Amino acid sequence: MLTIYHVPGTRGVRAIWLCEELALPYTVEAVDFSPEFRASDSWRAMNPVGKVPVLRDSEHSSTDDFLMFESGAMVQYILDRYGNG
């Protein structure tokens, strides 16, 4: 399952749009865009630079979730992994 941590008006919409186009199941988790939250240890564990969006793929491996940030890379990852050519 793909989870996209997103704030409206940010580039997370790229991954959301692609999931819609490919009819992939996904969820969107709203992120607090405040500087305090983005500087928090819990958010920095997901994205060391503190930016939005973040993509979590919980089906990447049998043991660990796969996390990534940078919306262009997310789009390429989704296409490579789930785009069926």
PDB file of N, CA and C in Angstrom:
ATOM      1  N   MET A   1       0.838  -1.192   0.000  1.00  0.00           N
ATOM      2  CA  MET A   1       0.000   0.000   0.000  1.00  0.00           C
ATOM      3  C   MET A   1       0.873   1.241   0.000  1.00  0.00           C
ATOM      4  N   LEU A   2       0.538   2.177  -0.829  1.00  0.00           N
ATOM      5  CA  LEU A   2       1.251   3.444  -0.883  1.00  0.00           C
ATOM      6  C   LEU A   2       0.557   4.459   0.022  1.00  0.00           C
ATOM      7  N   THR A   3       1.358   5.174   0.780  1.00  0.00           N
ATOM      8  CA  THR A   3       0.863   6.274   1.588  1.00  0.00           C
ATOM      9  C   THR A   3       1.641   7.516   1.184  1.00  0.00           C
ATOM     10  N   ILE A   4       0.910   8.580   0.902  1.00  0.00           N
ATOM     11  CA  ILE A   4       1.525   9.841   0.511  1.00  0.00           C
ATOM     12  C   ILE A   4       1.248  10.850   1.608  1.00  0.00           C
ATOM     13  N   TYR A   5       2.306  11.330   2.233  1.00  0.00           N
ATOM     14  CA  TYR A   5       2.200  12.349   3.267  1.00  0.00           C
ATOM     15  C   TYR A   5       2.240  13.684   2.546  1.00  0.00           C
ATOM     16  N   HIS A   6       1.163  14.443   2.656  1.00  0.00           N
ATOM     17  CA  HIS A   6       0.910  15.547   1.728  1.00  0.00           C
ATOM     18  C   HIS A   6       0.337  16.764   2.440  1.00  0.00           C
ATOM     19  N   VAL A   7       0.625  17.915   1.886  1.00  0.00           N
ATOM     20  CA  VAL A   7       0.008  19.178   2.264  1.00  0.00           C
ATOM     21  C   VAL A   7      -0.578  19.774   0.983  1.00  0.00           C
ATOM     22  N   PRO A   8      -1.856  20.161   0.985  1.00  0.00           N
ATOM     23  CA  PRO A   8      -2.425  20.775  -0.218  1.00  0.00           C
ATOM     24  C   PRO A   8      -1.563  21.944  -0.695  1.00  0.00           C
ATOM     25  N   GLY A   9      -1.437  22.041  -2.004  1.00  0.00           N
ATOM     26  CA  GLY A   9      -0.650  23.113  -2.597  1.00  0.00           C
ATOM     27  C   GLY A   9       0.826  22.791  -2.735  1.00  0.00           C
ATOM     28  N   THR A  10       1.217  21.560  -2.377  1.00  0.00           N
ATOM     29  CA  THR A  10       2.612  21.160  -2.531  1.00  0.00           C
ATOM     30  C   THR A  10       2.721  20.120  -3.648  1.00  0.00           C
ATOM     31  N   ARG A  11       3.931  19.721  -3.940  1.00  0.00           N
ATOM     32  CA  ARG A  11       4.167  18.814  -5.066  1.00  0.00           C
ATOM     33  C   ARG A  11       3.759  17.368  -4.796  1.00  0.00           C
ATOM     34  N   GLY A  12       3.255  17.091  -3.620  1.00  0.00           N
ATOM     35  CA  GLY A  12       2.725  15.756  -3.354  1.00  0.00           C
ATOM     36  C   GLY A  12       1.602  15.393  -4.302  1.00  0.00           C
ATOM     37  N   VAL A  13       0.965  16.399  -4.873  1.00  0.00           N
ATOM     38  CA  VAL A  13      -0.116  16.151  -5.818  1.00  0.00           C
ATOM     39  C   VAL A  13       0.381  15.368  -7.035  1.00  0.00           C
ATOM     40  N   ARG A  14       1.659  15.443  -7.351  1.00  0.00           N
ATOM     41  CA  ARG A  14       2.199  14.681  -8.486  1.00  0.00           C
ATOM     42  C   ARG A  14       2.021  13.178  -8.273  1.00  0.00           C
ATOM     43  N   ALA A  15       2.397  12.700  -7.100  1.00  0.00           N
ATOM     44  CA  ALA A  15       2.264  11.266  -6.802  1.00  0.00           C
ATOM     45  C   ALA A  15       0.793  10.875  -6.683  1.00  0.00           C
ATOM     46  N   ILE A  16      -0.013  11.738  -6.100  1.00  0.00           N
ATOM     47  CA  ILE A  16      -1.454  11.463  -5.981  1.00  0.00           C
ATOM     48  C   ILE A  16      -2.067  11.337  -7.375  1.00  0.00           C
ATOM     49  N   TRP A  17      -1.766  12.289  -8.227  1.00  0.00           N
ATOM     50  CA  TRP A  17      -2.288  12.276  -9.592  1.00  0.00           C
ATOM     51  C   TRP A  17      -1.896  10.985 -10.313  1.00  0.00           C
ATOM     52  N   LEU A  18      -0.626  10.593 -10.184  1.00  0.00           N
ATOM     53  CA  LEU A  18      -0.163   9.387 -10.864  1.00  0.00           C
ATOM     54  C   LEU A  18      -0.873   8.144 -10.333  1.00  0.00           C
ATOM     55  N   CYS A  19      -1.049   8.052  -9.039  1.00  0.00           N
ATOM     56  CA  CYS A  19      -1.787   6.908  -8.475  1.00  0.00           C
ATOM     57  C   CYS A  19      -3.207   6.857  -9.030  1.00  0.00           C
ATOM     58  N   GLU A  20      -3.840   8.016  -9.158  1.00  0.00           N
ATOM     59  CA  GLU A  20      -5.180   8.066  -9.758  1.00  0.00           C
ATOM     60  C   GLU A  20      -5.139   7.590 -11.210  1.00  0.00           C
ATOM     61  N   GLU A  21      -4.184   8.077 -11.968  1.00  0.00           N
ATOM     62  CA  GLU A  21      -4.077   7.704 -13.383  1.00  0.00           C
ATOM     63  C   GLU A  21      -3.843   6.206 -13.560  1.00  0.00           C
ATOM     64  N   LEU A  22      -3.056   5.614 -12.658  1.00  0.00           N
ATOM     65  CA  LEU A  22      -2.750   4.179 -12.746  1.00  0.00           C
ATOM     66  C   LEU A  22      -3.754   3.315 -11.989  1.00  0.00           C
ATOM     67  N   ALA A  23      -4.749   3.945 -11.364  1.00  0.00           N
ATOM     68  CA  ALA A  23      -5.763   3.241 -10.562  1.00  0.00           C
ATOM     69  C   ALA A  23      -5.118   2.395  -9.468  1.00  0.00           C
ATOM     70  N   LEU A  24      -4.105   2.958  -8.825  1.00  0.00           N
ATOM     71  CA  LEU A  24      -3.415   2.270  -7.731  1.00  0.00           C
ATOM     72  C   LEU A  24      -4.083   2.608  -6.403  1.00  0.00           C
ATOM     73  N   PRO A  25      -4.161   1.637  -5.512  1.00  0.00           N
ATOM     74  CA  PRO A  25      -4.664   1.961  -4.174  1.00  0.00           C
ATOM     75  C   PRO A  25      -3.609   2.763  -3.408  1.00  0.00           C
ATOM     76  N   TYR A  26      -4.055   3.796  -2.724  1.00  0.00           N
ATOM     77  CA  TYR A  26      -3.147   4.631  -1.949  1.00  0.00           C
ATOM     78  C   TYR A  26      -3.954   5.360  -0.890  1.00  0.00           C
ATOM     79  N   THR A  27      -3.263   5.882   0.090  1.00  0.00           N
ATOM     80  CA  THR A  27      -3.896   6.744   1.079  1.00  0.00           C
ATOM     81  C   THR A  27      -3.097   8.035   1.154  1.00  0.00           C
ATOM     82  N   VAL A  28      -3.775   9.077   1.561  1.00  0.00           N
ATOM     83  CA  VAL A  28      -3.140  10.366   1.762  1.00  0.00           C
ATOM     84  C   VAL A  28      -3.217  10.692   3.244  1.00  0.00           C
ATOM     85  N   GLU A  29      -2.075  11.003   3.818  1.00  0.00           N
ATOM     86  CA  GLU A  29      -2.000  11.447   5.209  1.00  0.00           C
ATOM     87  C   GLU A  29      -1.692  12.934   5.210  1.00  0.00           C
ATOM     88  N   ALA A  30      -2.565  13.701   5.843  1.00  0.00           N
ATOM     89  CA  ALA A  30      -2.344  15.143   5.946  1.00  0.00           C
ATOM     90  C   ALA A  30      -1.187  15.409   6.899  1.00  0.00           C
ATOM     91  N   VAL A  31      -0.329  16.331   6.518  1.00  0.00           N
ATOM     92  CA  VAL A  31       0.847  16.680   7.310  1.00  0.00           C
ATOM     93  C   VAL A  31       0.687  18.105   7.827  1.00  0.00           C
ATOM     94  N   ASP A  32       1.071  18.300   9.062  1.00  0.00           N
ATOM     95  CA  ASP A  32       1.127  19.636   9.647  1.00  0.00           C
ATOM     96  C   ASP A  32       2.290  20.370   8.983  1.00  0.00           C
ATOM     97  N   PHE A  33       2.002  21.480   8.316  1.00  0.00           N
ATOM     98  CA  PHE A  33       3.034  22.180   7.557  1.00  0.00           C
ATOM     99  C   PHE A  33       3.798  23.194   8.407  1.00  0.00           C
ATOM    100  N   SER A  34       3.530  23.206   9.691  1.00  0.00           N
ATOM    101  CA  SER A  34       4.213  24.177  10.551  1.00  0.00           C
ATOM    102  C   SER A  34       5.710  23.870  10.624  1.00  0.00           C
ATOM    103  N   PRO A  35       6.522  24.896  10.754  1.00  0.00           N
ATOM    104  CA  PRO A  35       7.973  24.678  10.889  1.00  0.00           C
ATOM    105  C   PRO A  35       8.313  23.799  12.101  1.00  0.00           C
ATOM    106  N   GLU A  36       7.539  23.906  13.160  1.00  0.00           N
ATOM    107  CA  GLU A  36       7.806  23.098  14.361  1.00  0.00           C
ATOM    108  C   GLU A  36       7.641  21.614  14.062  1.00  0.00           C
ATOM    109  N   PHE A  37       6.544  21.260  13.378  1.00  0.00           N
ATOM    110  CA  PHE A  37       6.334  19.852  13.049  1.00  0.00           C
ATOM    111  C   PHE A  37       7.402  19.351  12.094  1.00  0.00           C
ATOM    112  N   ARG A  38       7.691  20.138  11.066  1.00  0.00           N
ATOM    113  CA  ARG A  38       8.665  19.690  10.065  1.00  0.00           C
ATOM    114  C   ARG A  38      10.077  19.596  10.630  1.00  0.00           C
ATOM    115  N   ALA A  39      10.313  20.224  11.772  1.00  0.00           N
ATOM    116  CA  ALA A  39      11.613  20.112  12.442  1.00  0.00           C
ATOM    117  C   ALA A  39      11.611  19.007  13.502  1.00  0.00           C
ATOM    118  N   SER A  40      10.467  18.380  13.715  1.00  0.00           N
ATOM    119  CA  SER A  40      10.363  17.373  14.774  1.00  0.00           C
ATOM    120  C   SER A  40      11.155  16.115  14.430  1.00  0.00           C
ATOM    121  N   ASP A  41      11.569  15.409  15.452  1.00  0.00           N
ATOM    122  CA  ASP A  41      12.316  14.167  15.248  1.00  0.00           C
ATOM    123  C   ASP A  41      11.499  13.142  14.475  1.00  0.00           C
ATOM    124  N   SER A  42      10.193  13.065  14.753  1.00  0.00           N
ATOM    125  CA  SER A  42       9.368  12.063  14.075  1.00  0.00           C
ATOM    126  C   SER A  42       9.273  12.342  12.567  1.00  0.00           C
ATOM    127  N   TRP A  43       9.133  13.625  12.202  1.00  0.00           N
ATOM    128  CA  TRP A  43       9.086  13.943  10.770  1.00  0.00           C
ATOM    129  C   TRP A  43      10.461  13.796  10.134  1.00  0.00           C
ATOM    130  N   ARG A  44      11.494  14.233  10.823  1.00  0.00           N
ATOM    131  CA  ARG A  44      12.855  14.127  10.275  1.00  0.00           C
ATOM    132  C   ARG A  44      13.282  12.674  10.103  1.00  0.00           C
ATOM    133  N   ALA A  45      12.694  11.764  10.855  1.00  0.00           N
ATOM    134  CA  ALA A  45      12.981  10.340  10.656  1.00  0.00           C
ATOM    135  C   ALA A  45      12.433   9.875   9.299  1.00  0.00           C
ATOM    136  N   MET A  46      11.367  10.536   8.827  1.00  0.00           N
ATOM    137  CA  MET A  46      10.789  10.189   7.532  1.00  0.00           C
ATOM    138  C   MET A  46      11.434  10.974   6.393  1.00  0.00           C
ATOM    139  N   ASN A  47      11.795  12.224   6.674  1.00  0.00           N
ATOM    140  CA  ASN A  47      12.414  13.074   5.668  1.00  0.00           C
ATOM    141  C   ASN A  47      13.464  13.943   6.349  1.00  0.00           C
ATOM    142  N   PRO A  48      14.717  13.588   6.232  1.00  0.00           N
ATOM    143  CA  PRO A  48      15.789  14.292   6.948  1.00  0.00           C
ATOM    144  C   PRO A  48      15.894  15.782   6.645  1.00  0.00           C
ATOM    145  N   VAL A  49      15.402  16.224   5.493  1.00  0.00           N
ATOM    146  CA  VAL A  49      15.461  17.649   5.186  1.00  0.00           C
ATOM    147  C   VAL A  49      14.202  18.392   5.626  1.00  0.00           C
ATOM    148  N   GLY A  50      13.202  17.665   6.129  1.00  0.00           N
ATOM    149  CA  GLY A  50      12.024  18.280   6.711  1.00  0.00           C
ATOM    150  C   GLY A  50      10.983  18.776   5.728  1.00  0.00           C
ATOM    151  N   LYS A  51      11.079  18.383   4.474  1.00  0.00           N
ATOM    152  CA  LYS A  51      10.136  18.877   3.466  1.00  0.00           C
ATOM    153  C   LYS A  51       8.988  17.907   3.240  1.00  0.00           C
ATOM    154  N   VAL A  52       8.016  18.354   2.476  1.00  0.00           N
ATOM    155  CA  VAL A  52       6.847  17.581   2.096  1.00  0.00           C
ATOM    156  C   VAL A  52       6.886  17.473   0.572  1.00  0.00           C
ATOM    157  N   PRO A  53       6.529  16.376  -0.008  1.00  0.00           N
ATOM    158  CA  PRO A  53       5.869  15.177   0.492  1.00  0.00           C
ATOM    159  C   PRO A  53       6.851  14.059   0.855  1.00  0.00           C
ATOM    160  N   VAL A  54       6.262  12.997   1.407  1.00  0.00           N
ATOM    161  CA  VAL A  54       6.979  11.748   1.660  1.00  0.00           C
ATOM    162  C   VAL A  54       6.091  10.621   1.145  1.00  0.00           C
ATOM    163  N   LEU A  55       6.715   9.627   0.557  1.00  0.00           N
ATOM    164  CA  LEU A  55       6.007   8.443   0.073  1.00  0.00           C
ATOM    165  C   LEU A  55       6.459   7.252   0.899  1.00  0.00           C
ATOM    166  N   ARG A  56       5.494   6.474   1.376  1.00  0.00           N
ATOM    167  CA  ARG A  56       5.781   5.215   2.074  1.00  0.00           C
ATOM    168  C   ARG A  56       5.171   4.081   1.258  1.00  0.00           C
ATOM    169  N   ASP A  57       5.981   3.084   0.949  1.00  0.00           N
ATOM    170  CA  ASP A  57       5.497   1.883   0.273  1.00  0.00           C
ATOM    171  C   ASP A  57       5.654   0.735   1.243  1.00  0.00           C
ATOM    172  N   SER A  58       4.535   0.295   1.799  1.00  0.00           N
ATOM    173  CA  SER A  58       4.597  -0.762   2.808  1.00  0.00           C
ATOM    174  C   SER A  58       4.656  -2.150   2.192  1.00  0.00           C
ATOM    175  N   GLU A  59       4.620  -2.241   0.876  1.00  0.00           N
ATOM    176  CA  GLU A  59       4.745  -3.540   0.211  1.00  0.00           C
ATOM    177  C   GLU A  59       6.068  -3.674  -0.524  1.00  0.00           C
ATOM    178  N   HIS A  60       6.982  -2.767  -0.233  1.00  0.00           N
ATOM    179  CA  HIS A  60       8.280  -2.789  -0.923  1.00  0.00           C
ATOM    180  C   HIS A  60       9.069  -4.043  -0.592  1.00  0.00           C
ATOM    181  N   SER A  61       9.060  -4.425   0.677  1.00  0.00           N
ATOM    182  CA  SER A  61       9.769  -5.643   1.080  1.00  0.00           C
ATOM    183  C   SER A  61       8.966  -6.309   2.185  1.00  0.00           C
ATOM    184  N   SER A  62       9.329  -7.484   2.517  1.00  0.00           N
ATOM    185  CA  SER A  62       8.587  -8.223   3.543  1.00  0.00           C
ATOM    186  C   SER A  62       8.926  -7.754   4.949  1.00  0.00           C
ATOM    187  N   THR A  63      10.003  -6.991   5.105  1.00  0.00           N
ATOM    188  CA  THR A  63      10.424  -6.617   6.452  1.00  0.00           C
ATOM    189  C   THR A  63      10.328  -5.131   6.755  1.00  0.00           C
ATOM    190  N   ASP A  64      10.624  -4.277   5.813  1.00  0.00           N
ATOM    191  CA  ASP A  64      10.679  -2.849   6.073  1.00  0.00           C
ATOM    192  C   ASP A  64       9.853  -2.065   5.072  1.00  0.00           C
ATOM    193  N   ASP A  65       9.235  -0.990   5.550  1.00  0.00           N
ATOM    194  CA  ASP A  65       8.589  -0.049   4.642  1.00  0.00           C
ATOM    195  C   ASP A  65       9.668   0.746   3.918  1.00  0.00           C
ATOM    196  N   PHE A  66       9.359   1.149   2.722  1.00  0.00           N
ATOM    197  CA  PHE A  66      10.261   1.962   1.922  1.00  0.00           C
ATOM    198  C   PHE A  66       9.779   3.405   1.992  1.00  0.00           C
ATOM    199  N   LEU A  67      10.654   4.309   2.372  1.00  0.00           N
ATOM    200  CA  LEU A  67      10.334   5.729   2.449  1.00  0.00           C
ATOM    201  C   LEU A  67      11.170   6.496   1.436  1.00  0.00           C
ATOM    202  N   MET A  68      10.547   7.493   0.827  1.00  0.00           N
ATOM    203  CA  MET A  68      11.311   8.366  -0.053  1.00  0.00           C
ATOM    204  C   MET A  68      10.676   9.745  -0.067  1.00  0.00           C
ATOM    205  N   PHE A  69      11.486  10.722  -0.415  1.00  0.00           N
ATOM    206  CA  PHE A  69      10.989  12.071  -0.605  1.00  0.00           C
ATOM    207  C   PHE A  69      11.537  12.588  -1.919  1.00  0.00           C
ATOM    208  N   GLU A  70      11.029  13.721  -2.366  1.00  0.00           N
ATOM    209  CA  GLU A  70      11.315  14.346  -3.661  1.00  0.00           C
ATOM    210  C   GLU A  70      10.289  13.828  -4.664  1.00  0.00           C
ATOM    211  N   SER A  71       9.374  14.694  -5.013  1.00  0.00           N
ATOM    212  CA  SER A  71       8.196  14.296  -5.780  1.00  0.00           C
ATOM    213  C   SER A  71       8.529  13.713  -7.161  1.00  0.00           C
ATOM    214  N   GLY A  72       9.531  14.235  -7.831  1.00  0.00           N
ATOM    215  CA  GLY A  72       9.912  13.679  -9.129  1.00  0.00           C
ATOM    216  C   GLY A  72      10.410  12.255  -9.012  1.00  0.00           C
ATOM    217  N   ALA A  73      11.182  11.984  -7.991  1.00  0.00           N
ATOM    218  CA  ALA A  73      11.669  10.624  -7.745  1.00  0.00           C
ATOM    219  C   ALA A  73      10.513   9.694  -7.385  1.00  0.00           C
ATOM    220  N   MET A  74       9.534  10.212  -6.648  1.00  0.00           N
ATOM    221  CA  MET A  74       8.357   9.406  -6.303  1.00  0.00           C
ATOM    222  C   MET A  74       7.617   8.970  -7.562  1.00  0.00           C
ATOM    223  N   VAL A  75       7.423   9.902  -8.470  1.00  0.00           N
ATOM    224  CA  VAL A  75       6.732   9.589  -9.725  1.00  0.00           C
ATOM    225  C   VAL A  75       7.497   8.508 -10.487  1.00  0.00           C
ATOM    226  N   GLN A  76       8.794   8.643 -10.592  1.00  0.00           N
ATOM    227  CA  GLN A  76       9.583   7.635 -11.301  1.00  0.00           C
ATOM    228  C   GLN A  76       9.513   6.283 -10.601  1.00  0.00           C
ATOM    229  N   TYR A  77       9.592   6.276  -9.275  1.00  0.00           N
ATOM    230  CA  TYR A  77       9.498   5.035  -8.504  1.00  0.00           C
ATOM    231  C   TYR A  77       8.152   4.348  -8.753  1.00  0.00           C
ATOM    232  N   ILE A  78       7.063   5.116  -8.669  1.00  0.00           N
ATOM    233  CA  ILE A  78       5.731   4.527  -8.868  1.00  0.00           C
ATOM    234  C   ILE A  78       5.620   3.957 -10.277  1.00  0.00           C
ATOM    235  N   LEU A  79       6.097   4.681 -11.260  1.00  0.00           N
ATOM    236  CA  LEU A  79       6.058   4.170 -12.640  1.00  0.00           C
ATOM    237  C   LEU A  79       6.876   2.903 -12.788  1.00  0.00           C
ATOM    238  N   ASP A  80       8.095   2.900 -12.235  1.00  0.00           N
ATOM    239  CA  ASP A  80       8.965   1.729 -12.349  1.00  0.00           C
ATOM    240  C   ASP A  80       8.372   0.517 -11.644  1.00  0.00           C
ATOM    241  N   ARG A  81       7.830   0.736 -10.473  1.00  0.00           N
ATOM    242  CA  ARG A  81       7.361  -0.392  -9.649  1.00  0.00           C
ATOM    243  C   ARG A  81       5.948  -0.852 -10.018  1.00  0.00           C
ATOM    244  N   TYR A  82       5.073   0.073 -10.353  1.00  0.00           N
ATOM    245  CA  TYR A  82       3.665  -0.261 -10.518  1.00  0.00           C
ATOM    246  C   TYR A  82       3.090   0.098 -11.887  1.00  0.00           C
ATOM    247  N   GLY A  83       3.889   0.658 -12.777  1.00  0.00           N
ATOM    248  CA  GLY A  83       3.367   1.157 -14.046  1.00  0.00           C
ATOM    249  C   GLY A  83       3.159   0.113 -15.125  1.00  0.00           C
ATOM    250  N   ASN A  84       3.653  -1.090 -14.924  1.00  0.00           N
ATOM    251  CA  ASN A  84       3.490  -2.172 -15.906  1.00  0.00           C
ATOM    252  C   ASN A  84       3.961  -1.763 -17.301  1.00  0.00           C
ATOM    253  N   GLY A  85       5.087  -1.085 -17.329  1.00  0.00           N
ATOM    254  CA  GLY A  85       5.697  -0.716 -18.602  1.00  0.00           C
ATOM    255  C   GLY A  85       5.026   0.446 -19.257  1.00  0.00           C
TER     256      GLY A  85
END
